[in-house]
C-alpha atoms as a PDB file:
ATOM      1  CA  UNK A   1       0.038  -0.139   0.141  1.00  0.00           C
ATOM      2  CA  UNK A   2       2.653   2.565   1.077  1.00  0.00           C
ATOM      3  CA  UNK A   3       4.581   1.479  -1.938  1.00  0.00           C
ATOM      4  CA  UNK A   4       1.997   2.022  -4.325  1.00  0.00           C
ATOM      5  CA  UNK A   5       1.535   5.947  -2.878  1.00  0.00           C
ATOM      6  CA  UNK A   6       5.102   6.359  -3.251  1.00  0.00           C
ATOM      7  CA  UNK A   7       5.172   5.034  -6.835  1.00  0.00           C
ATOM      8  CA  UNK A   8       2.419   7.551  -7.494  1.00  0.00           C
ATOM      9  CA  UNK A   9       4.189  10.458  -5.813  1.00  0.00           C
ATOM     10  CA  UNK A  10       7.395   9.495  -7.699  1.00  0.00           C
ATOM     11  CA  UNK A  11       5.780   9.370 -11.014  1.00  0.00           C
ATOM     12  CA  UNK A  12       4.039  12.470 -10.415  1.00  0.00           C
ATOM     13  CA  UNK A  13       7.285  14.349  -9.517  1.00  0.00           C
ATOM     14  CA  UNK A  14       8.921  13.278 -12.675  1.00  0.00           C
ATOM     15  CA  UNK A  15       6.431  14.864 -14.954  1.00  0.00           C
ATOM     16  CA  UNK A  16       6.368  18.049 -12.919  1.00  0.00           C
ATOM     17  CA  UNK A  17      10.244  18.182 -13.294  1.00  0.00           C
ATOM     18  CA  UNK A  18      10.742  16.868 -16.633  1.00  0.00           C
ATOM     19  CA  UNK A  19      11.827  19.812 -18.756  1.00  0.00           C
ATOM     20  CA  UNK A  20      15.048  21.126 -17.833  1.00  0.00           C
ATOM     21  CA  UNK A  21      16.182  22.665 -20.826  1.00  0.00           C
ATOM     22  CA  UNK A  22      16.678  26.514 -20.025  1.00  0.00           C
ATOM     23  CA  UNK A  23      13.872  27.613 -22.494  1.00  0.00           C
ATOM     24  CA  UNK A  24      11.241  25.447 -20.971  1.00  0.00           C
ATOM     25  CA  UNK A  25      12.378  26.859 -17.547  1.00  0.00           C
ATOM     26  CA  UNK A  26      11.776  30.011 -18.596  1.00  0.00           C
ATOM     27  CA  UNK A  27       8.645  29.382 -20.135  1.00  0.00           C
ATOM     28  CA  UNK A  28       7.304  27.669 -17.253  1.00  0.00           C
ATOM     29  CA  UNK A  29       8.488  30.870 -14.898  1.00  0.00           C
ATOM     30  CA  UNK A  30       6.957  33.293 -17.499  1.00  0.00           C
ATOM     31  CA  UNK A  31       3.410  31.666 -17.274  1.00  0.00           C
ATOM     32  CA  UNK A  32       3.559  31.351 -13.676  1.00  0.00           C
ATOM     33  CA  UNK A  33       4.398  34.835 -13.180  1.00  0.00           C
ATOM     34  CA  UNK A  34       1.081  35.322 -15.225  1.00  0.00           C
ATOM     35  CA  UNK A  35      -1.127  33.145 -13.546  1.00  0.00           C
ATOM     36  CA  UNK A  36       0.013  34.769  -9.970  1.00  0.00           C
ATOM     37  CA  UNK A  37      -0.674  38.185 -11.269  1.00  0.00           C
ATOM     38  CA  UNK A  38      -4.093  37.906 -13.046  1.00  0.00           C
ATOM     39  CA  UNK A  39      -7.160  37.493 -10.638  1.00  0.00           C
ATOM     40  CA  UNK A  40      -7.976  33.981 -10.302  1.00  0.00           C
ATOM     41  CA  UNK A  41     -11.993  34.080 -10.639  1.00  0.00           C
ATOM     42  CA  UNK A  42     -11.893  34.918 -14.415  1.00  0.00           C
ATOM     43  CA  UNK A  43     -11.452  32.919 -17.824  1.00  0.00           C
ATOM     44  CA  UNK A  44      -7.738  34.285 -18.475  1.00  0.00           C
ATOM     45  CA  UNK A  45      -6.216  32.575 -15.349  1.00  0.00           C
ATOM     46  CA  UNK A  46      -8.028  29.307 -16.362  1.00  0.00           C
ATOM     47  CA  UNK A  47      -6.526  29.684 -19.958  1.00  0.00           C
ATOM     48  CA  UNK A  48      -3.414  30.367 -18.636  1.00  0.00           C
ATOM     49  CA  UNK A  49      -3.553  27.183 -16.496  1.00  0.00           C
ATOM     50  CA  UNK A  50      -4.598  24.955 -19.632  1.00  0.00           C
ATOM     51  CA  UNK A  51      -1.525  26.795 -21.416  1.00  0.00           C
ATOM     52  CA  UNK A  52       0.889  25.630 -18.857  1.00  0.00           C
ATOM     53  CA  UNK A  53      -0.370  21.924 -18.765  1.00  0.00           C
ATOM     54  CA  UNK A  54      -0.391  21.785 -22.541  1.00  0.00           C
ATOM     55  CA  UNK A  55       2.738  23.295 -23.607  1.00  0.00           C
ATOM     56  CA  UNK A  56       6.376  21.823 -23.150  1.00  0.00           C
ATOM     57  CA  UNK A  57       7.538  23.837 -20.280  1.00  0.00           C
ATOM     58  CA  UNK A  58       8.515  22.950 -16.293  1.00  0.00           C
ATOM     59  CA  UNK A  59       5.306  22.791 -14.708  1.00  0.00           C
ATOM     60  CA  UNK A  60       6.726  22.444 -11.140  1.00  0.00           C
ATOM     61  CA  UNK A  61       8.632  25.948 -11.564  1.00  0.00           C
ATOM     62  CA  UNK A  62       5.151  27.444 -13.157  1.00  0.00           C
ATOM     63  CA  UNK A  63       2.993  25.897 -10.314  1.00  0.00           C
ATOM     64  CA  UNK A  64       5.665  27.047  -7.658  1.00  0.00           C
ATOM     65  CA  UNK A  65       6.315  30.895  -9.193  1.00  0.00           C
ATOM     66  CA  UNK A  66       2.261  31.230  -9.568  1.00  0.00           C
ATOM     67  CA  UNK A  67       1.911  30.561  -5.672  1.00  0.00           C
ATOM     68  CA  UNK A  68       4.916  32.779  -4.791  1.00  0.00           C
ATOM     69  CA  UNK A  69       3.691  35.101  -7.354  1.00  0.00           C
ATOM     70  CA  UNK A  70       0.240  35.315  -5.910  1.00  0.00           C
ATOM     71  CA  UNK A  71       1.461  35.635  -2.193  1.00  0.00           C
ATOM     72  CA  UNK A  72       3.805  38.454  -3.097  1.00  0.00           C
ATOM     73  CA  UNK A  73       1.156  40.302  -4.980  1.00  0.00           C
ATOM     74  CA  UNK A  74      -1.270  40.568  -2.129  1.00  0.00           C
ATOM     75  CA  UNK A  75       1.206  41.854  -0.089  1.00  0.00           C
ATOM     76  CA  UNK A  76       2.265  44.887  -2.330  1.00  0.00           C
ATOM     77  CA  UNK A  77      -1.166  45.564  -3.236  1.00  0.00           C
ATOM     78  CA  UNK A  78      -2.004  48.492  -1.226  1.00  0.00           C
ATOM     79  CA  UNK A  79       1.776  50.120  -2.232  1.00  0.00           C
ATOM     80  CA  UNK A  80       0.950  49.479  -5.779  1.00  0.00           C
ATOM     81  CA  UNK A  81      -2.290  50.965  -5.481  1.00  0.00           C
ATOM     82  CA  UNK A  82      -1.230  54.075  -3.876  1.00  0.00           C
ATOM     83  CA  UNK A  83       1.755  54.556  -6.636  1.00  0.00           C
ATOM     84  CA  UNK A  84      -0.786  54.325  -9.154  1.00  0.00           C
ATOM     85  CA  UNK A  85      -2.998  56.575  -7.952  1.00  0.00           C
ATOM     86  CA  UNK A  86      -0.112  59.170  -7.380  1.00  0.00           C
ATOM     87  CA  UNK A  87       0.977  58.803 -10.627  1.00  0.00           C
ATOM     88  CA  UNK A  88      -2.385  59.308 -12.580  1.00  0.00           C
ATOM     89  CA  UNK A  89      -3.395  61.742  -9.944  1.00  0.00           C
END
């Protein structure tokens, strides 16, 4: 039972970390950054997630980047709002 779970986990990790070429790493990072910036409740975010899993890129890096950028975006949102209001005002 435990060995079956470990085998599934290893297969999942192998799929996520398979693409290690520099272009594939950059594509995963870029798409993950775009996913992290856009609001998660719209069709653009869903389309970017489909794109991340349908092209040949590093999916693990894309998912990690999306999580980190989403966290950082919520922390910097008040500052970005004040900066944007100052620039436009």
